[in-house]
Amino acid sequence: MNNIARVNEFLNPIMAVLFIASLLLTLNRFDIRYFKPVLEQPLSKVMQGAYTTTGFPFIEVILLGTVFTYVRKKKKLMRSYLNAIVASGIILLITIIVAIGCDGYYMVSRTMFPTFELMRAINIVKLLERIEVLIAVVWIVGIFAKIVICFLAAMMGLQQVAKHHSYGSFFSSCGFACIGNEQP
């Protein structure tokens, strides 16, 4: 558990710098006219469209709750947890605003990964080309952290279901398709 925390503690500032740098490099293409007309559809339609995707980016928040029992300093845990949720929501909102402001609603809604397409258009005097690698690195590191936390939560759940004393013994059996004492 300590190793996961240390790796994320090291990688998060790097991810933040790369992400902020990549968003700042796109701001020269920002055009406020892409936001007109605001709320062309009624608010109820907008909320219906937002309802289906609300849970997707924050489902890991629930899974992260499984590691709370292992935190030593629980005094500021809830405050830090809520601050992280608010900060990640703000980051998502800023990303969406920048993507729509640079490419427009139509292009953002038609592409599978709008932030990647946004970074693809960055070209700084033939010196810095292919900046979309920055966002790819942020995605890869973020996905790695997410998978590790999800896997850890699954192992902790397996430990509880099996009423085992630790979840460490389940790690070796997950890598192999072992049943009982059989070897792969």
N, C-alpha and C. Protein backbone atom coordinates (compact mmCIF):
# COMPACT_ATOMS: atom_id res chain seq x y z
N MET A 1 0.83 -1.19 0.00
CA MET A 1 0.00 0.00 0.00
C MET A 1 0.88 1.27 0.00
N ASN A 2 1.96 1.24 0.79
CA ASN A 2 2.87 2.39 0.83
C ASN A 2 3.51 2.65 -0.52
N ASN A 3 3.87 1.57 -1.21
CA ASN A 3 4.52 1.73 -2.52
C ASN A 3 3.59 2.39 -3.53
N ILE A 4 2.32 2.01 -3.52
CA ILE A 4 1.35 2.61 -4.43
C ILE A 4 1.23 4.10 -4.14
N ALA A 5 1.16 4.44 -2.86
CA ALA A 5 1.04 5.85 -2.48
C ALA A 5 2.28 6.64 -2.89
N ARG A 6 3.46 6.06 -2.69
CA ARG A 6 4.70 6.76 -3.05
C ARG A 6 4.84 6.97 -4.55
N VAL A 7 4.48 5.96 -5.32
CA VAL A 7 4.56 6.11 -6.78
C VAL A 7 3.60 7.20 -7.25
N ASN A 8 2.38 7.19 -6.73
CA ASN A 8 1.41 8.22 -7.11
C ASN A 8 1.82 9.59 -6.61
N GLU A 9 2.44 9.65 -5.45
CA GLU A 9 2.92 10.92 -4.93
C GLU A 9 4.03 11.50 -5.81
N PHE A 10 4.83 10.63 -6.41
CA PHE A 10 5.88 11.07 -7.31
C PHE A 10 5.32 11.47 -8.68
N LEU A 11 4.37 10.68 -9.20
CA LEU A 11 3.89 10.89 -10.56
C LEU A 11 2.83 11.98 -10.69
N ASN A 12 2.06 12.25 -9.65
CA ASN A 12 0.99 13.24 -9.74
C ASN A 12 1.48 14.65 -10.08
N PRO A 13 2.54 15.16 -9.46
CA PRO A 13 3.01 16.49 -9.88
C PRO A 13 3.48 16.53 -11.34
N ILE A 14 4.12 15.47 -11.80
CA ILE A 14 4.55 15.41 -13.19
C ILE A 14 3.35 15.42 -14.11
N MET A 15 2.34 14.63 -13.77
CA MET A 15 1.11 14.60 -14.57
C MET A 15 0.44 15.97 -14.59
N ALA A 16 0.40 16.63 -13.45
CA ALA A 16 -0.24 17.94 -13.37
C ALA A 16 0.48 18.97 -14.23
N VAL A 17 1.79 18.98 -14.19
CA VAL A 17 2.57 19.93 -14.99
C VAL A 17 2.36 19.66 -16.49
N LEU A 18 2.43 18.40 -16.90
CA LEU A 18 2.22 18.07 -18.31
C LEU A 18 0.81 18.45 -18.76
N PHE A 19 -0.18 18.19 -17.92
CA PHE A 19 -1.57 18.49 -18.27
C PHE A 19 -1.79 20.00 -18.38
N ILE A 20 -1.31 20.75 -17.40
CA ILE A 20 -1.49 22.21 -17.42
C ILE A 20 -0.73 22.81 -18.61
N ALA A 21 0.48 22.33 -18.87
CA ALA A 21 1.26 22.84 -20.01
C ALA A 21 0.55 22.56 -21.32
N SER A 22 -0.02 21.39 -21.45
CA SER A 22 -0.70 21.07 -22.71
C SER A 22 -1.97 21.90 -22.88
N LEU A 23 -2.70 22.17 -21.81
CA LEU A 23 -3.88 23.02 -21.93
C LEU A 23 -3.50 24.47 -22.23
N LEU A 24 -2.42 24.95 -21.62
CA LEU A 24 -1.99 26.33 -21.88
C LEU A 24 -1.53 26.52 -23.32
N LEU A 25 -0.96 25.48 -23.90
CA LEU A 25 -0.50 25.57 -25.29
C LEU A 25 -1.66 25.63 -26.28
N THR A 26 -2.85 25.25 -25.87
CA THR A 26 -4.00 25.29 -26.77
C THR A 26 -4.81 26.57 -26.66
N LEU A 27 -4.55 27.37 -25.66
CA LEU A 27 -5.39 28.55 -25.41
C LEU A 27 -5.31 29.61 -26.51
N ASN A 28 -4.29 29.58 -27.34
CA ASN A 28 -4.22 30.57 -28.43
C ASN A 28 -5.29 30.32 -29.50
N ARG A 29 -5.88 29.12 -29.52
CA ARG A 29 -6.94 28.80 -30.47
C ARG A 29 -8.33 29.00 -29.86
N PHE A 30 -8.42 29.41 -28.62
CA PHE A 30 -9.70 29.54 -27.91
C PHE A 30 -10.55 30.65 -28.55
N ASP A 31 -11.80 30.34 -28.83
CA ASP A 31 -12.72 31.30 -29.43
C ASP A 31 -14.06 31.22 -28.69
N ILE A 32 -14.46 32.31 -28.07
CA ILE A 32 -15.67 32.35 -27.26
C ILE A 32 -16.93 32.13 -28.10
N ARG A 33 -16.84 32.37 -29.41
CA ARG A 33 -18.02 32.20 -30.28
C ARG A 33 -18.48 30.75 -30.37
N TYR A 34 -17.61 29.80 -30.03
CA TYR A 34 -18.00 28.39 -30.06
C TYR A 34 -19.05 28.05 -29.00
N PHE A 35 -19.23 28.92 -28.02
CA PHE A 35 -20.19 28.66 -26.94
C PHE A 35 -21.59 29.18 -27.25
N LYS A 36 -21.76 29.85 -28.37
CA LYS A 36 -23.08 30.38 -28.72
C LYS A 36 -23.83 29.37 -29.57
N PRO A 37 -25.09 29.23 -29.47
CA PRO A 37 -25.98 29.74 -28.43
C PRO A 37 -25.87 28.91 -27.17
N VAL A 38 -25.88 29.56 -26.04
CA VAL A 38 -25.78 28.89 -24.75
C VAL A 38 -27.13 28.26 -24.43
N LEU A 39 -27.10 27.01 -24.06
CA LEU A 39 -28.30 26.25 -23.72
C LEU A 39 -29.37 26.36 -24.80
N GLU A 40 -29.00 25.96 -25.99
CA GLU A 40 -29.94 25.95 -27.11
C GLU A 40 -31.10 25.00 -26.81
N GLN A 41 -30.80 23.89 -26.16
CA GLN A 41 -31.83 22.94 -25.72
C GLN A 41 -32.32 23.35 -24.33
N PRO A 42 -33.53 22.93 -23.93
CA PRO A 42 -33.99 23.23 -22.57
C PRO A 42 -33.09 22.58 -21.53
N LEU A 43 -33.06 23.15 -20.33
CA LEU A 43 -32.19 22.66 -19.27
C LEU A 43 -32.49 21.20 -18.91
N SER A 44 -33.74 20.78 -19.01
CA SER A 44 -34.09 19.40 -18.70
C SER A 44 -33.40 18.42 -19.67
N LYS A 45 -33.32 18.79 -20.94
CA LYS A 45 -32.63 17.94 -21.93
C LYS A 45 -31.14 17.87 -21.65
N VAL A 46 -30.57 19.00 -21.26
CA VAL A 46 -29.14 19.05 -20.93
C VAL A 46 -28.85 18.16 -19.73
N MET A 47 -29.70 18.22 -18.71
CA MET A 47 -29.51 17.41 -17.51
C MET A 47 -29.68 15.92 -17.81
N GLN A 48 -30.60 15.56 -18.70
CA GLN A 48 -30.76 14.16 -19.09
C GLN A 48 -29.51 13.63 -19.78
N GLY A 49 -28.92 14.44 -20.61
CA GLY A 49 -27.68 14.03 -21.28
C GLY A 49 -26.51 13.92 -20.32
N ALA A 50 -26.50 14.75 -19.30
CA ALA A 50 -25.41 14.72 -18.33
C ALA A 50 -25.57 13.59 -17.32
N TYR A 51 -26.79 13.14 -17.09
CA TYR A 51 -27.05 12.13 -16.07
C TYR A 51 -26.33 10.82 -16.35
N THR A 52 -26.32 10.39 -17.60
CA THR A 52 -25.73 9.09 -17.92
C THR A 52 -24.22 9.08 -17.76
N THR A 53 -23.57 10.22 -17.92
CA THR A 53 -22.11 10.25 -17.82
C THR A 53 -21.60 10.77 -16.48
N THR A 54 -22.49 11.09 -15.57
CA THR A 54 -22.06 11.65 -14.29
C THR A 54 -21.26 10.65 -13.48
N GLY A 55 -21.67 9.40 -13.46
CA GLY A 55 -21.00 8.40 -12.63
C GLY A 55 -19.69 7.91 -13.18
N PHE A 56 -19.49 8.03 -14.47
CA PHE A 56 -18.31 7.44 -15.10
C PHE A 56 -16.98 7.96 -14.54
N PRO A 57 -16.73 9.28 -14.51
CA PRO A 57 -15.40 9.69 -14.06
C PRO A 57 -15.20 9.56 -12.55
N PHE A 58 -16.28 9.42 -11.80
CA PHE A 58 -16.14 9.41 -10.35
C PHE A 58 -16.39 8.06 -9.71
N ILE A 59 -16.48 6.98 -10.47
CA ILE A 59 -16.73 5.68 -9.89
C ILE A 59 -15.54 5.21 -9.05
N GLU A 60 -14.35 5.68 -9.40
CA GLU A 60 -13.17 5.29 -8.63
C GLU A 60 -13.17 5.92 -7.24
N VAL A 61 -13.96 6.96 -7.06
CA VAL A 61 -14.07 7.59 -5.74
C VAL A 61 -14.62 6.58 -4.74
N ILE A 62 -15.56 5.78 -5.17
CA ILE A 62 -16.13 4.75 -4.29
C ILE A 62 -15.08 3.67 -4.01
N LEU A 63 -14.37 3.26 -5.05
CA LEU A 63 -13.35 2.23 -4.86
C LEU A 63 -12.21 2.70 -3.96
N LEU A 64 -11.90 3.98 -4.04
CA LEU A 64 -10.83 4.52 -3.21
C LEU A 64 -11.19 4.45 -1.73
N GLY A 65 -12.47 4.42 -1.44
CA GLY A 65 -12.92 4.30 -0.05
C GLY A 65 -12.49 3.01 0.61
N THR A 66 -12.15 1.99 -0.16
CA THR A 66 -11.72 0.73 0.43
C THR A 66 -10.36 0.82 1.10
N VAL A 67 -9.56 1.78 0.71
CA VAL A 67 -8.23 1.89 1.32
C VAL A 67 -8.22 2.83 2.52
N PHE A 68 -9.37 3.40 2.88
CA PHE A 68 -9.42 4.33 4.00
C PHE A 68 -9.07 3.66 5.33
N THR A 69 -9.31 2.39 5.46
CA THR A 69 -8.99 1.72 6.73
C THR A 69 -7.49 1.64 6.97
N TYR A 70 -6.70 1.80 5.92
CA TYR A 70 -5.26 1.71 6.05
C TYR A 70 -4.58 3.07 6.22
N VAL A 71 -5.34 4.13 6.23
CA VAL A 71 -4.77 5.46 6.42
C VAL A 71 -4.56 5.70 7.90
N ARG A 72 -3.36 6.13 8.26
CA ARG A 72 -3.03 6.33 9.68
C ARG A 72 -3.60 7.64 10.21
N LYS A 73 -3.43 8.72 9.47
CA LYS A 73 -3.89 10.04 9.92
C LYS A 73 -5.29 10.29 9.38
N LYS A 74 -6.29 9.88 10.14
CA LYS A 74 -7.67 9.98 9.67
C LYS A 74 -8.33 11.29 10.01
N LYS A 75 -7.60 12.16 10.69
CA LYS A 75 -8.18 13.42 11.14
C LYS A 75 -8.62 14.30 9.97
N LYS A 76 -7.78 14.42 8.96
CA LYS A 76 -8.07 15.29 7.82
C LYS A 76 -8.43 14.48 6.57
N LEU A 77 -8.74 13.22 6.74
CA LEU A 77 -8.99 12.34 5.60
C LEU A 77 -10.21 12.77 4.80
N MET A 78 -11.33 13.01 5.46
CA MET A 78 -12.54 13.35 4.74
C MET A 78 -12.41 14.69 4.02
N ARG A 79 -11.77 15.64 4.67
CA ARG A 79 -11.58 16.95 4.04
C ARG A 79 -10.70 16.83 2.79
N SER A 80 -9.62 16.07 2.89
CA SER A 80 -8.74 15.86 1.73
C SER A 80 -9.46 15.10 0.62
N TYR A 81 -10.26 14.14 1.00
CA TYR A 81 -11.03 13.34 0.05
C TYR A 81 -12.00 14.22 -0.72
N LEU A 82 -12.74 15.05 -0.02
CA LEU A 82 -13.70 15.94 -0.68
C LEU A 82 -13.00 17.01 -1.52
N ASN A 83 -11.86 17.51 -1.04
CA ASN A 83 -11.09 18.47 -1.83
C ASN A 83 -10.60 17.84 -3.14
N ALA A 84 -10.19 16.58 -3.08
CA ALA A 84 -9.74 15.90 -4.29
C ALA A 84 -10.89 15.69 -5.27
N ILE A 85 -12.07 15.38 -4.76
CA ILE A 85 -13.23 15.21 -5.64
C ILE A 85 -13.58 16.53 -6.32
N VAL A 86 -13.59 17.62 -5.55
CA VAL A 86 -13.90 18.94 -6.11
C VAL A 86 -12.82 19.34 -7.13
N ALA A 87 -11.55 19.11 -6.80
CA ALA A 87 -10.46 19.47 -7.71
C ALA A 87 -10.55 18.68 -9.01
N SER A 88 -10.85 17.39 -8.93
CA SER A 88 -10.96 16.61 -10.16
C SER A 88 -12.16 17.04 -10.99
N GLY A 89 -13.25 17.41 -10.34
CA GLY A 89 -14.39 17.94 -11.07
C GLY A 89 -14.07 19.24 -11.78
N ILE A 90 -13.33 20.11 -11.11
CA ILE A 90 -12.92 21.38 -11.71
C ILE A 90 -11.98 21.14 -12.89
N ILE A 91 -11.08 20.20 -12.77
CA ILE A 91 -10.16 19.87 -13.86
C ILE A 91 -10.94 19.35 -15.07
N LEU A 92 -11.92 18.49 -14.82
CA LEU A 92 -12.75 17.99 -15.93
C LEU A 92 -13.52 19.13 -16.59
N LEU A 93 -14.06 20.03 -15.78
CA LEU A 93 -14.82 21.16 -16.31
C LEU A 93 -13.93 22.08 -17.15
N ILE A 94 -12.74 22.37 -16.66
CA ILE A 94 -11.80 23.22 -17.41
C ILE A 94 -11.41 22.56 -18.72
N THR A 95 -11.18 21.25 -18.68
CA THR A 95 -10.82 20.52 -19.89
C THR A 95 -11.93 20.59 -20.92
N ILE A 96 -13.16 20.42 -20.48
CA ILE A 96 -14.30 20.48 -21.40
C ILE A 96 -14.45 21.88 -21.98
N ILE A 97 -14.30 22.89 -21.14
CA ILE A 97 -14.42 24.28 -21.61
C ILE A 97 -13.34 24.60 -22.63
N VAL A 98 -12.11 24.19 -22.36
CA VAL A 98 -11.02 24.46 -23.31
C VAL A 98 -11.24 23.69 -24.61
N ALA A 99 -11.69 22.44 -24.52
CA ALA A 99 -11.91 21.66 -25.74
C ALA A 99 -13.01 22.27 -26.60
N ILE A 100 -14.12 22.68 -25.98
CA ILE A 100 -15.20 23.29 -26.75
C ILE A 100 -14.78 24.66 -27.26
N GLY A 101 -14.06 25.41 -26.45
CA GLY A 101 -13.62 26.74 -26.87
C GLY A 101 -12.61 26.71 -28.00
N CYS A 102 -11.86 25.64 -28.13
CA CYS A 102 -10.86 25.56 -29.20
C CYS A 102 -11.38 24.88 -30.46
N ASP A 103 -12.18 23.83 -30.31
CA ASP A 103 -12.63 23.08 -31.47
C ASP A 103 -14.11 23.23 -31.78
N GLY A 104 -14.88 23.71 -30.83
CA GLY A 104 -16.31 23.84 -31.05
C GLY A 104 -17.07 22.60 -30.62
N TYR A 105 -18.34 22.79 -30.31
CA TYR A 105 -19.18 21.69 -29.83
C TYR A 105 -19.27 20.55 -30.84
N TYR A 106 -19.44 20.91 -32.09
CA TYR A 106 -19.65 19.88 -33.12
C TYR A 106 -18.44 18.94 -33.20
N MET A 107 -17.26 19.49 -33.25
CA MET A 107 -16.05 18.66 -33.36
C MET A 107 -15.81 17.85 -32.09
N VAL A 108 -16.05 18.46 -30.93
CA VAL A 108 -15.84 17.75 -29.66
C VAL A 108 -16.81 16.59 -29.52
N SER A 109 -18.04 16.78 -29.96
CA SER A 109 -19.03 15.71 -29.83
C SER A 109 -18.80 14.59 -30.84
N ARG A 110 -18.10 14.85 -31.90
CA ARG A 110 -17.88 13.85 -32.96
C ARG A 110 -16.60 13.03 -32.76
N THR A 111 -15.68 13.49 -31.96
CA THR A 111 -14.42 12.76 -31.79
C THR A 111 -14.47 11.89 -30.54
N MET A 112 -13.75 10.79 -30.58
CA MET A 112 -13.73 9.86 -29.46
C MET A 112 -12.90 10.43 -28.29
N PHE A 113 -11.76 11.03 -28.60
CA PHE A 113 -10.87 11.60 -27.59
C PHE A 113 -10.59 13.06 -27.94
N PRO A 114 -11.47 13.98 -27.55
CA PRO A 114 -11.31 15.38 -27.98
C PRO A 114 -10.05 16.05 -27.45
N THR A 115 -9.59 15.69 -26.25
CA THR A 115 -8.37 16.32 -25.74
C THR A 115 -7.16 15.90 -26.56
N PHE A 116 -7.14 14.67 -27.00
CA PHE A 116 -6.03 14.21 -27.84
C PHE A 116 -6.04 14.93 -29.17
N GLU A 117 -7.20 15.09 -29.77
CA GLU A 117 -7.32 15.83 -31.03
C GLU A 117 -6.94 17.29 -30.84
N LEU A 118 -7.26 17.83 -29.69
CA LEU A 118 -6.92 19.22 -29.37
C LEU A 118 -5.41 19.39 -29.32
N MET A 119 -4.72 18.44 -28.71
CA MET A 119 -3.26 18.52 -28.60
C MET A 119 -2.57 18.25 -29.94
N ARG A 120 -3.23 17.51 -30.80
CA ARG A 120 -2.63 17.18 -32.10
C ARG A 120 -2.40 18.44 -32.94
N ALA A 121 -3.22 19.46 -32.74
CA ALA A 121 -3.13 20.67 -33.55
C ALA A 121 -2.05 21.64 -33.07
N ILE A 122 -1.41 21.35 -31.95
CA ILE A 122 -0.37 22.25 -31.42
C ILE A 122 0.90 22.08 -32.24
N ASN A 123 1.45 23.20 -32.67
CA ASN A 123 2.70 23.20 -33.42
C ASN A 123 3.41 24.51 -33.09
N ILE A 124 4.54 24.42 -32.43
CA ILE A 124 5.27 25.61 -32.00
C ILE A 124 6.54 25.72 -32.82
N VAL A 125 6.50 26.52 -33.84
CA VAL A 125 7.64 26.90 -34.67
C VAL A 125 8.53 25.70 -35.04
N LYS A 126 7.94 24.64 -35.49
CA LYS A 126 8.67 23.45 -35.93
C LYS A 126 9.62 22.89 -34.88
N LEU A 127 9.65 23.52 -33.70
CA LEU A 127 10.52 23.05 -32.64
C LEU A 127 9.81 21.99 -31.80
N LEU A 128 8.59 22.30 -31.43
CA LEU A 128 7.81 21.37 -30.64
C LEU A 128 6.61 20.91 -31.46
N GLU A 129 6.74 19.74 -32.03
CA GLU A 129 5.64 19.14 -32.77
C GLU A 129 5.23 17.87 -32.04
N ARG A 130 4.07 17.40 -32.36
CA ARG A 130 3.53 16.17 -31.76
C ARG A 130 3.43 16.29 -30.24
N ILE A 131 2.82 17.36 -29.78
CA ILE A 131 2.65 17.61 -28.36
C ILE A 131 1.63 16.67 -27.75
N GLU A 132 0.82 15.99 -28.57
CA GLU A 132 -0.19 15.10 -28.02
C GLU A 132 0.41 13.96 -27.22
N VAL A 133 1.71 13.76 -27.36
CA VAL A 133 2.38 12.75 -26.54
C VAL A 133 2.28 13.12 -25.06
N LEU A 134 2.28 14.42 -24.75
CA LEU A 134 2.13 14.85 -23.35
C LEU A 134 0.83 14.34 -22.76
N ILE A 135 -0.26 14.50 -23.47
CA ILE A 135 -1.55 14.06 -22.95
C ILE A 135 -1.61 12.54 -22.92
N ALA A 136 -0.93 11.88 -23.85
CA ALA A 136 -0.89 10.42 -23.83
C ALA A 136 -0.15 9.92 -22.60
N VAL A 137 0.94 10.58 -22.23
CA VAL A 137 1.68 10.20 -21.02
C VAL A 137 0.80 10.39 -19.78
N VAL A 138 0.08 11.50 -19.72
CA VAL A 138 -0.83 11.74 -18.59
C VAL A 138 -1.89 10.65 -18.54
N TRP A 139 -2.45 10.29 -19.67
CA TRP A 139 -3.46 9.23 -19.70
C TRP A 139 -2.89 7.89 -19.24
N ILE A 140 -1.71 7.54 -19.73
CA ILE A 140 -1.13 6.25 -19.39
C ILE A 140 -0.84 6.17 -17.90
N VAL A 141 -0.27 7.21 -17.34
CA VAL A 141 0.02 7.21 -15.90
C VAL A 141 -1.28 7.19 -15.10
N GLY A 142 -2.26 7.96 -15.53
CA GLY A 142 -3.55 7.97 -14.83
C GLY A 142 -4.25 6.63 -14.90
N ILE A 143 -4.23 6.00 -16.05
CA ILE A 143 -4.85 4.68 -16.20
C ILE A 143 -4.11 3.65 -15.36
N PHE A 144 -2.80 3.75 -15.31
CA PHE A 144 -2.01 2.83 -14.47
C PHE A 144 -2.43 2.97 -13.01
N ALA A 145 -2.52 4.19 -12.52
CA ALA A 145 -2.91 4.41 -11.12
C ALA A 145 -4.33 3.90 -10.87
N LYS A 146 -5.21 4.14 -11.82
CA LYS A 146 -6.60 3.70 -11.67
C LYS A 146 -6.70 2.18 -11.62
N ILE A 147 -5.99 1.50 -12.50
CA ILE A 147 -6.02 0.04 -12.53
C ILE A 147 -5.45 -0.54 -11.25
N VAL A 148 -4.37 0.04 -10.76
CA VAL A 148 -3.77 -0.46 -9.53
C VAL A 148 -4.74 -0.31 -8.36
N ILE A 149 -5.40 0.83 -8.24
CA ILE A 149 -6.36 1.04 -7.15
C ILE A 149 -7.56 0.10 -7.30
N CYS A 150 -8.06 -0.07 -8.51
CA CYS A 150 -9.19 -0.99 -8.74
C CYS A 150 -8.80 -2.42 -8.42
N PHE A 151 -7.61 -2.82 -8.81
CA PHE A 151 -7.14 -4.17 -8.51
C PHE A 151 -6.96 -4.36 -7.02
N LEU A 152 -6.43 -3.37 -6.35
CA LEU A 152 -6.26 -3.44 -4.90
C LEU A 152 -7.62 -3.54 -4.20
N ALA A 153 -8.60 -2.76 -4.66
CA ALA A 153 -9.94 -2.84 -4.09
C ALA A 153 -10.55 -4.22 -4.31
N ALA A 154 -10.32 -4.80 -5.48
CA ALA A 154 -10.84 -6.14 -5.76
C ALA A 154 -10.19 -7.18 -4.85
N MET A 155 -8.90 -7.05 -4.63
CA MET A 155 -8.21 -7.99 -3.75
C MET A 155 -8.68 -7.85 -2.29
N MET A 156 -8.93 -6.62 -1.88
CA MET A 156 -9.43 -6.40 -0.52
C MET A 156 -10.84 -6.97 -0.37
N GLY A 157 -11.65 -6.83 -1.42
CA GLY A 157 -12.98 -7.42 -1.39
C GLY A 157 -12.91 -8.93 -1.36
N LEU A 158 -12.00 -9.51 -2.12
CA LEU A 158 -11.81 -10.96 -2.11
C LEU A 158 -11.35 -11.44 -0.74
N GLN A 159 -10.50 -10.65 -0.10
CA GLN A 159 -10.06 -10.98 1.26
C GLN A 159 -11.24 -11.02 2.22
N GLN A 160 -12.14 -10.04 2.10
CA GLN A 160 -13.31 -10.00 2.99
C GLN A 160 -14.26 -11.16 2.72
N VAL A 161 -14.48 -11.47 1.45
CA VAL A 161 -15.40 -12.57 1.11
C VAL A 161 -14.84 -13.91 1.58
N ALA A 162 -13.54 -14.10 1.42
CA ALA A 162 -12.90 -15.36 1.81
C ALA A 162 -12.58 -15.41 3.30
N LYS A 163 -12.79 -14.30 4.01
CA LYS A 163 -12.46 -14.21 5.44
C LYS A 163 -11.01 -14.63 5.70
N HIS A 164 -10.13 -14.12 4.84
CA HIS A 164 -8.71 -14.42 4.93
C HIS A 164 -8.03 -13.33 5.75
N HIS A 165 -6.88 -13.61 6.33
CA HIS A 165 -6.21 -12.65 7.20
C HIS A 165 -5.51 -11.52 6.43
N SER A 166 -5.13 -11.73 5.17
CA SER A 166 -4.53 -10.67 4.38
C SER A 166 -4.88 -10.85 2.90
N TYR A 167 -4.76 -9.78 2.16
CA TYR A 167 -5.06 -9.86 0.73
C TYR A 167 -3.82 -10.18 -0.08
N GLY A 168 -2.66 -10.19 0.53
CA GLY A 168 -1.41 -10.44 -0.18
C GLY A 168 -1.34 -11.82 -0.81
N SER A 169 -1.96 -12.80 -0.19
CA SER A 169 -1.89 -14.16 -0.74
C SER A 169 -2.71 -14.31 -2.02
N PHE A 170 -3.64 -13.39 -2.27
CA PHE A 170 -4.45 -13.46 -3.48
C PHE A 170 -3.71 -12.91 -4.70
N PHE A 171 -2.67 -12.11 -4.48
CA PHE A 171 -1.94 -11.52 -5.60
C PHE A 171 -1.27 -12.59 -6.46
N SER A 172 -0.62 -13.55 -5.84
CA SER A 172 0.10 -14.55 -6.61
C SER A 172 -0.87 -15.47 -7.36
N SER A 173 -2.03 -15.72 -6.79
CA SER A 173 -2.97 -16.61 -7.46
C SER A 173 -3.70 -15.91 -8.60
N CYS A 174 -3.74 -14.58 -8.60
CA CYS A 174 -4.41 -13.86 -9.69
C CYS A 174 -3.56 -13.86 -10.95
N GLY A 175 -2.26 -13.89 -10.80
CA GLY A 175 -1.40 -13.89 -11.96
C GLY A 175 -1.42 -15.21 -12.71
N PHE A 176 -1.78 -16.26 -12.03
CA PHE A 176 -1.84 -17.58 -12.65
C PHE A 176 -3.28 -18.08 -12.57
N ALA A 177 -3.64 -18.91 -13.48
CA ALA A 177 -5.00 -19.48 -13.46
C ALA A 177 -4.98 -20.76 -12.64
N CYS A 178 -4.63 -20.63 -11.37
CA CYS A 178 -4.51 -21.80 -10.50
C CYS A 178 -5.85 -22.11 -9.84
N ILE A 179 -6.11 -23.38 -9.69
CA ILE A 179 -7.27 -23.81 -8.92
C ILE A 179 -6.74 -24.78 -7.88
N GLY A 180 -6.91 -24.42 -6.63
CA GLY A 180 -6.41 -25.28 -5.56
C GLY A 180 -4.89 -25.31 -5.57
N ASN A 181 -4.33 -26.52 -5.59
CA ASN A 181 -2.88 -26.68 -5.53
C ASN A 181 -2.26 -26.93 -6.91
N GLU A 182 -3.06 -26.90 -7.96
CA GLU A 182 -2.54 -27.16 -9.30
C GLU A 182 -1.64 -26.02 -9.76
N GLN A 183 -0.61 -26.34 -10.46
CA GLN A 183 0.29 -25.33 -11.01
C GLN A 183 -0.07 -25.07 -12.46
N PRO A 184 0.17 -23.84 -12.95
CA PRO A 184 -0.19 -23.53 -14.36
C PRO A 184 0.67 -24.29 -15.35
